[in-house]
N, C-alpha and C. Protein backbone atom coordinates (compact mmCIF):
# COMPACT_ATOMS: atom_id res chain seq x y z
N MET A 1 -43.91 -53.26 30.08
CA MET A 1 -43.48 -54.73 30.71
C MET A 1 -42.09 -55.02 30.77
N THR A 2 -41.59 -55.30 31.74
CA THR A 2 -40.12 -55.74 32.08
C THR A 2 -39.88 -57.19 31.13
N GLU A 3 -38.63 -57.04 30.48
CA GLU A 3 -38.18 -58.08 29.69
C GLU A 3 -37.78 -59.36 30.55
N ILE A 4 -38.07 -60.57 30.22
CA ILE A 4 -37.45 -61.68 30.97
C ILE A 4 -36.19 -61.62 30.76
N SER A 5 -35.28 -62.00 31.90
CA SER A 5 -33.83 -62.31 31.87
C SER A 5 -33.37 -63.52 32.57
N GLU A 6 -32.19 -63.79 32.08
CA GLU A 6 -31.65 -65.13 32.45
C GLU A 6 -30.23 -64.59 33.37
N GLN A 7 -29.94 -65.41 34.25
CA GLN A 7 -28.81 -65.02 35.13
C GLN A 7 -27.71 -66.01 34.73
N TYR A 8 -26.40 -65.52 34.68
CA TYR A 8 -25.33 -66.17 34.45
C TYR A 8 -24.15 -66.06 35.59
N VAL A 9 -23.43 -67.14 35.78
CA VAL A 9 -22.20 -66.92 36.62
C VAL A 9 -20.90 -66.87 35.67
N ILE A 10 -20.41 -65.96 35.74
CA ILE A 10 -19.10 -65.90 34.87
C ILE A 10 -17.95 -65.82 35.59
N SER A 11 -16.91 -66.52 35.33
CA SER A 11 -15.64 -66.69 35.78
C SER A 11 -14.46 -66.32 34.99
N ILE A 12 -13.38 -65.13 35.25
CA ILE A 12 -12.28 -64.95 34.32
C ILE A 12 -11.10 -65.01 35.10
N MET A 13 -10.25 -65.32 34.37
CA MET A 13 -8.93 -65.64 35.06
C MET A 13 -7.77 -65.12 33.96
N SER A 14 -6.84 -64.37 34.12
CA SER A 14 -5.85 -63.98 33.23
C SER A 14 -4.68 -63.51 34.03
N ARG A 15 -3.38 -63.43 33.44
CA ARG A 15 -2.27 -62.49 33.65
C ARG A 15 -2.71 -61.25 33.87
N ASP A 16 -2.48 -60.73 35.21
CA ASP A 16 -2.77 -59.33 35.44
C ASP A 16 -2.52 -58.14 34.44
N HIS A 17 -3.14 -56.95 34.00
CA HIS A 17 -2.71 -56.20 33.31
C HIS A 17 -3.92 -55.29 33.43
N ILE A 18 -3.62 -53.95 33.19
CA ILE A 18 -4.65 -52.69 33.14
C ILE A 18 -5.81 -52.99 32.08
N GLY A 19 -7.11 -52.74 32.56
CA GLY A 19 -8.20 -52.91 31.39
C GLY A 19 -8.70 -54.24 31.66
N ILE A 20 -8.43 -55.18 32.33
CA ILE A 20 -9.34 -56.36 32.30
C ILE A 20 -10.67 -56.21 32.50
N ILE A 21 -10.94 -55.27 33.98
CA ILE A 21 -12.36 -55.03 34.32
C ILE A 21 -13.14 -54.64 33.13
N TYR A 22 -12.58 -53.57 32.45
CA TYR A 22 -13.03 -52.78 31.36
C TYR A 22 -13.67 -53.67 30.21
N GLU A 23 -12.75 -54.41 29.86
CA GLU A 23 -12.76 -55.59 28.52
C GLU A 23 -14.05 -56.32 29.05
N VAL A 24 -14.06 -56.95 30.22
CA VAL A 24 -15.24 -58.21 30.42
C VAL A 24 -16.65 -57.21 30.63
N ALA A 25 -16.41 -56.16 31.45
CA ALA A 25 -17.61 -55.18 31.66
C ALA A 25 -18.26 -54.69 30.35
N ARG A 26 -17.52 -54.38 29.31
CA ARG A 26 -17.87 -53.94 28.13
C ARG A 26 -18.50 -54.89 27.29
N ALA A 27 -18.02 -56.32 27.33
CA ALA A 27 -18.28 -57.34 26.54
C ALA A 27 -19.96 -57.57 27.07
N ILE A 28 -19.78 -57.47 28.41
CA ILE A 28 -21.27 -57.80 29.25
C ILE A 28 -22.26 -56.82 28.78
N SER A 29 -22.01 -55.54 28.82
CA SER A 29 -22.73 -54.56 28.56
C SER A 29 -23.29 -54.65 26.95
N ASP A 30 -22.39 -54.85 26.29
CA ASP A 30 -22.65 -54.91 24.70
C ASP A 30 -23.70 -55.91 24.47
N LEU A 31 -23.94 -56.76 25.29
CA LEU A 31 -25.07 -57.79 25.21
C LEU A 31 -26.30 -57.26 26.03
N ASN A 32 -26.29 -56.01 26.55
CA ASN A 32 -27.41 -55.64 27.46
C ASN A 32 -27.40 -56.58 28.96
N GLY A 33 -26.11 -56.77 29.22
CA GLY A 33 -26.12 -57.59 30.47
C GLY A 33 -25.96 -56.61 31.56
N ASN A 34 -26.33 -56.89 32.82
CA ASN A 34 -26.24 -56.01 33.96
C ASN A 34 -25.71 -56.92 35.07
N ILE A 35 -24.44 -56.53 35.41
CA ILE A 35 -23.84 -57.08 36.51
C ILE A 35 -24.41 -56.94 37.85
N ALA A 36 -24.76 -57.89 38.48
CA ALA A 36 -25.48 -57.71 39.77
C ALA A 36 -24.37 -57.75 40.83
N ASP A 37 -23.48 -58.77 40.98
CA ASP A 37 -22.32 -59.11 42.04
C ASP A 37 -21.22 -59.46 41.45
N VAL A 38 -20.10 -59.03 41.99
CA VAL A 38 -18.56 -59.34 41.59
C VAL A 38 -17.58 -59.16 42.74
N ARG A 39 -16.91 -60.33 42.47
CA ARG A 39 -15.64 -60.78 43.38
C ARG A 39 -14.42 -60.57 42.71
N GLN A 40 -13.57 -59.87 42.86
CA GLN A 40 -12.21 -59.76 41.87
C GLN A 40 -11.16 -59.66 42.71
N SER A 41 -9.85 -60.44 42.49
CA SER A 41 -8.52 -60.15 43.16
C SER A 41 -7.58 -60.34 42.13
N VAL A 42 -6.56 -59.82 42.40
CA VAL A 42 -5.06 -60.25 41.94
C VAL A 42 -4.27 -61.13 42.95
N LEU A 43 -3.93 -62.39 42.43
CA LEU A 43 -3.06 -63.15 43.20
C LEU A 43 -2.01 -63.57 42.64
N SER A 44 -0.69 -63.15 43.15
CA SER A 44 0.57 -63.34 42.72
C SER A 44 0.67 -63.29 41.12
N GLY A 45 -0.06 -61.97 40.65
CA GLY A 45 0.11 -61.81 39.56
C GLY A 45 -1.11 -62.19 38.54
N TYR A 46 -1.79 -62.86 38.95
CA TYR A 46 -3.14 -63.49 38.26
C TYR A 46 -4.46 -62.68 38.72
N PHE A 47 -5.17 -62.13 37.66
CA PHE A 47 -6.24 -61.71 37.68
C PHE A 47 -7.30 -62.65 37.97
N THR A 48 -8.23 -62.70 38.90
CA THR A 48 -9.46 -63.56 39.03
C THR A 48 -10.51 -62.88 39.30
N MET A 49 -11.68 -63.22 38.70
CA MET A 49 -13.08 -62.64 38.96
C MET A 49 -14.09 -63.44 38.51
N ILE A 50 -15.01 -63.39 39.52
CA ILE A 50 -16.26 -64.10 39.49
C ILE A 50 -17.59 -63.27 39.62
N LEU A 51 -18.47 -63.25 38.80
CA LEU A 51 -19.66 -62.28 38.73
C LEU A 51 -20.91 -62.96 38.42
N LEU A 52 -21.80 -62.38 38.83
CA LEU A 52 -23.31 -62.73 38.71
C LEU A 52 -23.86 -61.82 37.51
N ALA A 53 -24.34 -61.92 36.36
CA ALA A 53 -25.03 -61.02 35.61
C ALA A 53 -26.10 -61.56 35.02
N SER A 54 -27.28 -60.46 34.74
CA SER A 54 -28.47 -61.03 34.24
C SER A 54 -28.42 -60.41 32.76
N PHE A 55 -29.14 -61.27 31.83
CA PHE A 55 -29.13 -60.90 30.38
C PHE A 55 -30.63 -61.14 29.81
N PRO A 56 -30.72 -60.34 28.66
CA PRO A 56 -32.34 -60.69 28.05
C PRO A 56 -32.27 -61.97 27.82
N ALA A 57 -33.53 -62.65 27.91
CA ALA A 57 -33.77 -64.12 27.63
C ALA A 57 -33.15 -64.55 26.05
N ARG A 58 -33.25 -63.40 25.44
CA ARG A 58 -32.82 -64.01 24.00
C ARG A 58 -31.30 -64.08 23.78
N VAL A 59 -30.40 -63.73 25.01
CA VAL A 59 -28.81 -63.73 24.78
C VAL A 59 -28.70 -65.03 25.48
N THR A 60 -27.99 -66.15 24.58
CA THR A 60 -27.61 -67.39 25.17
C THR A 60 -26.28 -67.64 25.80
N GLN A 61 -26.12 -68.68 26.36
CA GLN A 61 -24.69 -68.75 26.98
C GLN A 61 -23.73 -68.97 26.10
N ARG A 62 -23.88 -69.47 24.78
CA ARG A 62 -23.00 -69.59 23.70
C ARG A 62 -22.75 -67.95 23.25
N ALA A 63 -23.65 -67.11 23.11
CA ALA A 63 -23.63 -65.85 22.73
C ALA A 63 -22.67 -64.97 23.75
N ILE A 64 -22.83 -65.33 25.01
CA ILE A 64 -21.89 -64.67 26.06
C ILE A 64 -20.26 -65.11 25.88
N GLU A 65 -20.37 -66.63 25.68
CA GLU A 65 -18.99 -66.96 25.45
C GLU A 65 -18.48 -66.50 24.31
N ARG A 66 -19.03 -66.24 23.17
CA ARG A 66 -18.55 -65.75 21.74
C ARG A 66 -18.03 -64.13 22.10
N LYS A 67 -18.83 -63.41 22.76
CA LYS A 67 -18.75 -62.14 23.21
C LYS A 67 -17.08 -61.96 23.94
N LEU A 68 -17.00 -62.97 25.00
CA LEU A 68 -15.95 -62.91 25.97
C LEU A 68 -14.61 -63.35 25.16
N ALA A 69 -15.08 -64.26 24.18
CA ALA A 69 -13.78 -64.67 23.23
C ALA A 69 -13.40 -63.38 22.51
N GLU A 70 -14.33 -62.61 21.90
CA GLU A 70 -14.03 -61.44 21.24
C GLU A 70 -12.93 -60.58 22.18
N ALA A 71 -13.48 -60.48 23.31
CA ALA A 71 -12.60 -59.56 24.37
C ALA A 71 -11.08 -60.23 24.63
N ASP A 72 -11.26 -61.68 24.56
CA ASP A 72 -9.94 -62.41 24.64
C ASP A 72 -9.08 -61.89 23.46
N ALA A 73 -9.47 -61.89 22.37
CA ALA A 73 -8.86 -61.71 21.10
C ALA A 73 -8.14 -60.34 21.19
N HIS A 74 -8.85 -59.25 21.58
CA HIS A 74 -8.22 -58.04 21.71
C HIS A 74 -7.47 -57.76 22.88
N SER A 75 -7.21 -58.69 24.11
CA SER A 75 -6.56 -58.44 25.36
C SER A 75 -5.29 -58.53 25.31
N GLU A 76 -4.61 -57.64 26.10
CA GLU A 76 -3.06 -57.75 26.26
C GLU A 76 -2.76 -59.20 26.57
N THR A 77 -3.21 -59.85 27.64
CA THR A 77 -3.03 -61.15 27.97
C THR A 77 -4.10 -62.14 27.66
N ALA A 78 -4.10 -63.35 27.57
CA ALA A 78 -5.23 -64.22 27.27
C ALA A 78 -6.36 -64.09 28.46
N LEU A 79 -7.58 -64.17 28.07
CA LEU A 79 -8.61 -64.13 29.29
C LEU A 79 -9.23 -65.59 28.92
N GLU A 80 -9.17 -66.50 30.29
CA GLU A 80 -9.88 -67.63 30.33
C GLU A 80 -11.16 -67.29 30.95
N ALA A 81 -12.27 -67.61 30.16
CA ALA A 81 -13.69 -67.29 30.83
C ALA A 81 -14.56 -68.80 30.87
N MET A 82 -15.22 -68.72 31.83
CA MET A 82 -16.17 -69.96 32.09
C MET A 82 -17.61 -69.22 32.39
N VAL A 83 -18.44 -69.52 31.60
CA VAL A 83 -20.05 -69.20 31.78
C VAL A 83 -20.93 -70.22 32.29
N ARG A 84 -21.57 -70.06 33.13
CA ARG A 84 -22.89 -71.12 33.39
C ARG A 84 -23.98 -70.38 33.81
N LYS A 85 -25.06 -70.92 33.46
CA LYS A 85 -26.48 -70.47 33.74
C LYS A 85 -26.45 -70.92 35.30
N ALA A 86 -26.80 -69.62 35.69
CA ALA A 86 -27.32 -69.72 37.24
C ALA A 86 -28.29 -70.49 37.54
N ASP A 87 -28.09 -71.65 38.84
CA ASP A 87 -29.08 -72.47 39.38
C ASP A 87 -30.13 -71.30 39.96
N GLU A 88 -31.26 -71.30 39.36
CA GLU A 88 -32.29 -70.49 40.14
C GLU A 88 -32.80 -70.94 41.52
N THR A 89 -32.66 -72.26 41.84
CA THR A 89 -33.15 -72.82 43.04
C THR A 89 -31.92 -72.18 44.02
N ALA A 90 -30.80 -72.19 43.62
CA ALA A 90 -29.62 -71.71 44.56
C ALA A 90 -29.75 -70.64 44.77
N LEU A 91 -29.97 -69.50 43.95
CA LEU A 91 -30.17 -68.01 43.89
C LEU A 91 -31.55 -67.82 44.88
N ALA A 92 -32.50 -68.51 44.57
CA ALA A 92 -33.61 -68.33 45.50
C ALA A 92 -33.30 -68.86 46.98
N ALA A 93 -32.53 -69.82 47.29
CA ALA A 93 -31.99 -70.14 48.47
C ALA A 93 -31.13 -69.28 49.07
N PHE A 94 -30.29 -68.29 48.45
CA PHE A 94 -29.20 -67.57 48.89
C PHE A 94 -29.82 -66.37 49.91
N SER A 95 -29.53 -66.47 50.92
CA SER A 95 -29.94 -65.29 52.07
C SER A 95 -28.67 -64.45 52.47
N ASN A 96 -28.88 -63.31 52.25
CA ASN A 96 -27.69 -62.54 52.81
C ASN A 96 -27.95 -62.25 54.22
N ASP A 97 -27.96 -63.00 55.21
CA ASP A 97 -28.27 -62.96 56.52
C ASP A 97 -27.32 -62.38 57.36
N VAL A 98 -27.04 -61.17 57.24
CA VAL A 98 -26.19 -60.38 58.07
C VAL A 98 -26.18 -60.32 59.71
N GLU A 99 -27.35 -60.97 60.07
CA GLU A 99 -27.52 -61.13 61.28
C GLU A 99 -26.78 -62.27 62.05
N ASN A 100 -26.49 -63.61 61.24
CA ASN A 100 -25.65 -64.53 61.59
C ASN A 100 -24.44 -64.63 60.84
N THR A 101 -23.79 -63.41 60.32
CA THR A 101 -22.50 -63.41 59.61
C THR A 101 -21.44 -62.89 60.70
N TYR A 102 -20.25 -63.70 60.55
CA TYR A 102 -19.25 -63.33 61.60
C TYR A 102 -18.04 -63.37 60.77
N VAL A 103 -16.98 -62.72 61.26
CA VAL A 103 -15.55 -62.69 60.85
C VAL A 103 -14.71 -63.35 61.59
N LEU A 104 -14.30 -64.52 61.08
CA LEU A 104 -13.13 -65.41 61.86
C LEU A 104 -11.76 -65.18 61.30
N THR A 105 -10.82 -64.74 62.11
CA THR A 105 -9.35 -64.72 61.95
C THR A 105 -8.62 -65.71 62.50
N ALA A 106 -7.82 -66.17 61.81
CA ALA A 106 -6.80 -67.20 62.12
C ALA A 106 -5.42 -66.82 61.95
N THR A 107 -4.47 -66.45 62.90
CA THR A 107 -2.97 -66.47 62.71
C THR A 107 -1.98 -67.33 63.19
N GLY A 108 -1.13 -67.63 62.63
CA GLY A 108 -0.04 -68.54 63.02
C GLY A 108 1.07 -68.77 61.94
N ALA A 109 1.80 -69.79 62.29
CA ALA A 109 3.11 -70.21 61.66
C ALA A 109 2.54 -70.66 60.11
N ASP A 110 3.40 -70.25 59.11
CA ASP A 110 2.87 -70.75 57.83
C ASP A 110 3.29 -72.37 57.49
N LYS A 111 2.48 -72.98 57.53
CA LYS A 111 2.57 -74.55 57.47
C LYS A 111 1.49 -75.13 56.43
N VAL A 112 2.09 -76.53 55.84
CA VAL A 112 0.98 -77.06 54.79
C VAL A 112 -0.13 -77.68 55.86
N GLY A 113 -1.37 -77.46 55.58
CA GLY A 113 -2.68 -77.66 56.09
C GLY A 113 -3.14 -76.66 56.92
N PHE A 114 -2.56 -75.52 56.96
CA PHE A 114 -3.06 -74.33 57.62
C PHE A 114 -4.63 -73.96 57.28
N VAL A 115 -4.91 -74.14 56.03
CA VAL A 115 -6.36 -73.74 55.63
C VAL A 115 -7.09 -74.95 55.77
N ALA A 116 -6.73 -75.86 55.44
CA ALA A 116 -7.54 -77.29 55.96
C ALA A 116 -7.98 -77.40 57.25
N THR A 117 -6.91 -76.98 58.04
CA THR A 117 -7.47 -77.05 59.62
C THR A 117 -8.57 -76.19 59.86
N VAL A 118 -8.34 -74.85 59.44
CA VAL A 118 -9.19 -74.05 60.04
C VAL A 118 -10.75 -74.36 59.29
N ALA A 119 -10.53 -74.62 57.99
CA ALA A 119 -11.91 -75.06 57.26
C ALA A 119 -12.49 -76.40 57.87
N ALA A 120 -11.69 -77.14 58.64
CA ALA A 120 -12.36 -78.42 59.05
C ALA A 120 -13.02 -78.08 60.56
N PHE A 121 -12.54 -77.14 61.20
CA PHE A 121 -13.40 -76.35 62.32
C PHE A 121 -14.61 -75.87 61.80
N CYS A 122 -14.71 -75.14 60.75
CA CYS A 122 -15.61 -74.51 60.18
C CYS A 122 -16.74 -75.50 59.65
N VAL A 123 -16.48 -76.74 59.09
CA VAL A 123 -17.26 -77.67 58.85
C VAL A 123 -17.84 -78.32 60.18
N LYS A 124 -17.17 -78.84 61.02
CA LYS A 124 -17.54 -79.56 62.36
C LYS A 124 -18.63 -78.50 62.80
N HIS A 125 -18.61 -76.95 62.76
CA HIS A 125 -19.37 -76.35 63.61
C HIS A 125 -20.56 -75.56 62.59
N ARG A 126 -20.52 -76.32 61.32
CA ARG A 126 -21.56 -75.83 60.32
C ARG A 126 -21.66 -74.36 59.99
N LEU A 127 -20.25 -73.78 59.95
CA LEU A 127 -20.07 -72.34 59.42
C LEU A 127 -19.85 -72.37 58.05
N ASN A 128 -20.85 -71.70 57.38
CA ASN A 128 -20.31 -71.56 55.84
C ASN A 128 -19.42 -70.60 55.51
N ILE A 129 -18.50 -71.01 54.83
CA ILE A 129 -17.48 -69.76 54.50
C ILE A 129 -17.83 -69.23 53.28
N ILE A 130 -18.17 -67.73 53.08
CA ILE A 130 -18.68 -67.21 52.12
C ILE A 130 -17.62 -66.19 51.45
N ASP A 131 -16.58 -65.92 52.39
CA ASP A 131 -15.43 -65.20 51.54
C ASP A 131 -14.17 -65.71 52.40
N LEU A 132 -12.99 -65.79 51.74
CA LEU A 132 -11.88 -66.10 52.46
C LEU A 132 -10.59 -65.35 51.91
N SER A 133 -9.60 -64.94 52.55
CA SER A 133 -8.56 -64.42 51.97
C SER A 133 -7.53 -64.87 53.10
N THR A 134 -6.30 -65.02 52.46
CA THR A 134 -5.04 -65.31 53.37
C THR A 134 -3.91 -64.50 52.88
N THR A 135 -3.07 -64.30 53.68
CA THR A 135 -1.65 -63.22 53.47
C THR A 135 -0.74 -63.87 54.46
N ILE A 136 0.54 -63.45 54.02
CA ILE A 136 1.57 -63.48 55.04
C ILE A 136 1.85 -61.87 55.45
N SER A 137 1.97 -61.95 56.86
CA SER A 137 2.04 -60.64 57.45
C SER A 137 3.00 -60.72 58.59
N ASP A 138 4.09 -59.86 58.41
CA ASP A 138 5.22 -59.91 59.61
C ASP A 138 5.70 -61.37 59.99
N GLY A 139 5.65 -62.19 58.90
CA GLY A 139 6.17 -63.65 59.12
C GLY A 139 5.08 -64.59 59.48
N ALA A 140 3.81 -64.13 59.71
CA ALA A 140 2.75 -65.06 60.25
C ALA A 140 2.06 -65.07 58.99
N TYR A 141 1.17 -66.50 58.97
CA TYR A 141 0.09 -66.50 57.87
C TYR A 141 -1.02 -66.08 58.66
N VAL A 142 -1.82 -65.51 57.98
CA VAL A 142 -3.15 -64.73 58.40
C VAL A 142 -4.36 -65.32 57.39
N MET A 143 -5.25 -65.78 57.94
CA MET A 143 -6.36 -66.17 57.21
C MET A 143 -7.61 -65.51 57.83
N ILE A 144 -8.59 -64.72 56.85
CA ILE A 144 -9.54 -64.02 57.16
C ILE A 144 -10.86 -64.65 56.60
N LEU A 145 -11.90 -65.01 57.42
CA LEU A 145 -13.06 -65.84 56.76
C LEU A 145 -14.17 -65.01 57.16
N ILE A 146 -15.06 -64.97 56.18
CA ILE A 146 -16.51 -64.39 56.54
C ILE A 146 -17.31 -65.51 56.57
N VAL A 147 -17.94 -65.86 57.50
CA VAL A 147 -18.83 -67.02 57.75
C VAL A 147 -20.03 -66.86 58.07
N GLU A 148 -21.02 -67.69 57.63
CA GLU A 148 -22.41 -67.61 58.25
C GLU A 148 -22.67 -68.87 59.10
N LEU A 149 -23.18 -68.28 60.37
CA LEU A 149 -23.51 -69.26 61.20
C LEU A 149 -24.65 -69.91 61.19
N ASN A 150 -24.79 -71.39 61.17
CA ASN A 150 -26.04 -72.11 61.22
C ASN A 150 -26.71 -71.91 62.40
N GLN A 151 -27.87 -71.60 62.22
CA GLN A 151 -28.71 -71.39 63.55
C GLN A 151 -29.03 -72.41 64.40
N SER A 152 -28.82 -73.54 64.02
CA SER A 152 -28.76 -74.96 64.86
C SER A 152 -27.56 -74.94 65.78
N VAL A 153 -26.56 -74.33 65.47
CA VAL A 153 -25.33 -74.27 66.51
C VAL A 153 -25.02 -73.10 67.22
N PRO A 154 -25.37 -73.22 68.54
CA PRO A 154 -25.36 -71.60 69.13
C PRO A 154 -23.82 -71.12 69.17
N ILE A 155 -23.90 -69.94 69.19
CA ILE A 155 -22.80 -69.04 69.03
C ILE A 155 -21.77 -69.33 70.32
N ASN A 156 -22.46 -69.44 71.48
CA ASN A 156 -21.72 -69.60 72.51
C ASN A 156 -20.89 -71.02 72.53
N THR A 157 -21.60 -71.85 71.87
CA THR A 157 -20.73 -73.26 71.44
C THR A 157 -19.42 -72.92 70.73
N VAL A 158 -19.83 -72.28 69.62
CA VAL A 158 -18.70 -72.07 68.71
C VAL A 158 -17.76 -71.27 69.08
N ARG A 159 -17.85 -70.09 69.94
CA ARG A 159 -16.67 -69.42 70.85
C ARG A 159 -15.98 -70.30 71.75
N SER A 160 -16.64 -71.13 72.41
CA SER A 160 -15.92 -72.15 73.47
C SER A 160 -15.27 -73.17 72.51
N ASP A 161 -15.65 -73.79 71.72
CA ASP A 161 -14.92 -74.78 70.94
C ASP A 161 -13.48 -74.12 70.14
N LEU A 162 -13.93 -72.70 69.81
CA LEU A 162 -12.86 -71.92 69.22
C LEU A 162 -11.58 -71.86 70.04
N GLN A 163 -12.07 -71.59 71.43
CA GLN A 163 -10.83 -71.35 72.27
C GLN A 163 -9.95 -72.88 72.52
N GLN A 164 -10.75 -73.87 72.47
CA GLN A 164 -10.10 -75.08 72.63
C GLN A 164 -9.49 -75.37 71.39
N PHE A 165 -9.99 -74.97 70.15
CA PHE A 165 -9.11 -75.17 68.99
C PHE A 165 -8.09 -74.34 68.81
N ALA A 166 -7.93 -73.16 69.22
CA ALA A 166 -6.80 -72.22 69.43
C ALA A 166 -5.58 -73.13 70.24
N GLN A 167 -5.99 -73.30 71.36
CA GLN A 167 -5.19 -74.05 72.25
C GLN A 167 -4.47 -75.42 71.63
N GLU A 168 -5.23 -76.04 71.01
CA GLU A 168 -4.94 -77.36 70.20
C GLU A 168 -4.01 -77.00 69.39
N THR A 169 -4.22 -76.15 68.43
CA THR A 169 -3.41 -75.97 67.27
C THR A 169 -2.43 -74.82 67.33
N GLY A 170 -2.37 -74.12 68.50
CA GLY A 170 -1.39 -72.98 68.60
C GLY A 170 -1.76 -71.66 67.72
N LEU A 171 -2.90 -71.62 67.21
CA LEU A 171 -3.26 -70.44 66.24
C LEU A 171 -4.01 -69.41 67.23
N ARG A 172 -3.59 -68.22 66.79
CA ARG A 172 -4.40 -67.17 67.56
C ARG A 172 -5.85 -66.87 66.65
N VAL A 173 -6.87 -66.95 67.23
CA VAL A 173 -8.03 -67.02 66.45
C VAL A 173 -8.97 -65.90 67.13
N ALA A 174 -9.66 -65.52 66.45
CA ALA A 174 -11.03 -64.34 66.75
C ALA A 174 -11.95 -64.20 65.99
N LEU A 175 -13.21 -64.28 66.79
CA LEU A 175 -14.59 -64.33 65.98
C LEU A 175 -15.28 -63.14 66.41
N GLN A 176 -15.71 -62.09 65.44
CA GLN A 176 -16.38 -61.10 65.50
C GLN A 176 -17.67 -61.04 64.86
N HIS A 177 -18.74 -60.46 65.32
CA HIS A 177 -19.92 -60.31 64.51
C HIS A 177 -19.39 -59.64 63.12
N HIS A 178 -19.99 -59.62 62.18
CA HIS A 178 -19.65 -58.70 61.00
C HIS A 178 -19.73 -57.42 61.01
N ASP A 179 -20.91 -56.97 61.84
CA ASP A 179 -21.19 -55.59 61.92
C ASP A 179 -20.03 -54.94 62.94
N ILE A 180 -19.62 -55.53 63.98
CA ILE A 180 -18.69 -54.92 64.81
C ILE A 180 -17.26 -54.79 64.11
N PHE A 181 -16.96 -55.85 62.98
CA PHE A 181 -15.65 -56.03 62.38
C PHE A 181 -15.68 -54.76 61.38
N ARG A 182 -16.79 -54.47 60.88
CA ARG A 182 -17.06 -53.40 59.95
C ARG A 182 -16.73 -52.22 60.59
N ALA A 183 -17.52 -52.10 61.67
CA ALA A 183 -17.60 -50.61 62.48
C ALA A 183 -15.82 -50.40 62.88
N VAL A 184 -15.13 -51.50 63.27
CA VAL A 184 -13.79 -51.29 63.78
C VAL A 184 -12.86 -50.91 62.43
N ASN A 185 -13.14 -51.68 61.44
CA ASN A 185 -12.05 -51.95 60.58
C ASN A 185 -12.24 -50.92 59.23
N GLU A 186 -13.40 -50.09 59.07
CA GLU A 186 -13.71 -49.54 57.89
C GLU A 186 -13.47 -48.03 58.22
N ILE A 187 -13.02 -47.44 57.01
CA ILE A 187 -12.78 -46.05 57.09
C ILE A 187 -13.95 -45.53 56.24
N ASN A 188 -14.46 -44.57 56.89
CA ASN A 188 -15.52 -43.82 56.07
C ASN A 188 -15.41 -42.28 55.98
N LEU A 189 -14.98 -42.01 54.56
CA LEU A 189 -14.67 -40.81 54.28
C LEU A 189 -15.94 -40.02 53.84
N PRO A 190 -15.99 -38.65 54.22
CA PRO A 190 -16.88 -37.77 53.98
C PRO A 190 -17.15 -37.69 52.51
N LEU A 191 -18.40 -37.66 52.24
CA LEU A 191 -18.94 -37.36 50.65
C LEU A 191 -18.80 -35.84 50.46
N ARG A 192 -18.51 -35.53 49.49
CA ARG A 192 -18.45 -33.84 49.16
C ARG A 192 -19.46 -33.49 48.29
């Protein structure tokens, strides 16, 4: 019989140093936790990670917090951790609908409100931003978003309105289906 488990969302932030992922993963595995999904990045010298992990039902939120506090006590830099029980309704409603997933890129001059302007377009067209990254490249601000298209908004409408948006804002924008973006941008190394 399979043991009942509880899922938790855990967020970690720290000044970056080698070994943070090991410290956090070891703390989770010490509690028989299983990491299901992770997003991690280093931003201007700050390590950030959010993950979803399942634990045996006997493991409480407080036990997870204490174990992460132990990891913090032994870490080279302070680990700030936040632990929340996952909302089962939200987890059940989550769909990884690849068919309606697109990559939206916006490039232009770095200015106040850049992210808000692009996000406003997404809200207006019911595009759910599921991943977002920005960088400055060759003097231009580049924003890459992975978005889910709401089926009530036709893709042709989004594309047409995106062209108008580009003209109004002076941004260079592109919208590609996620599968096309991956096929063009991923490097597949042969396995030995």
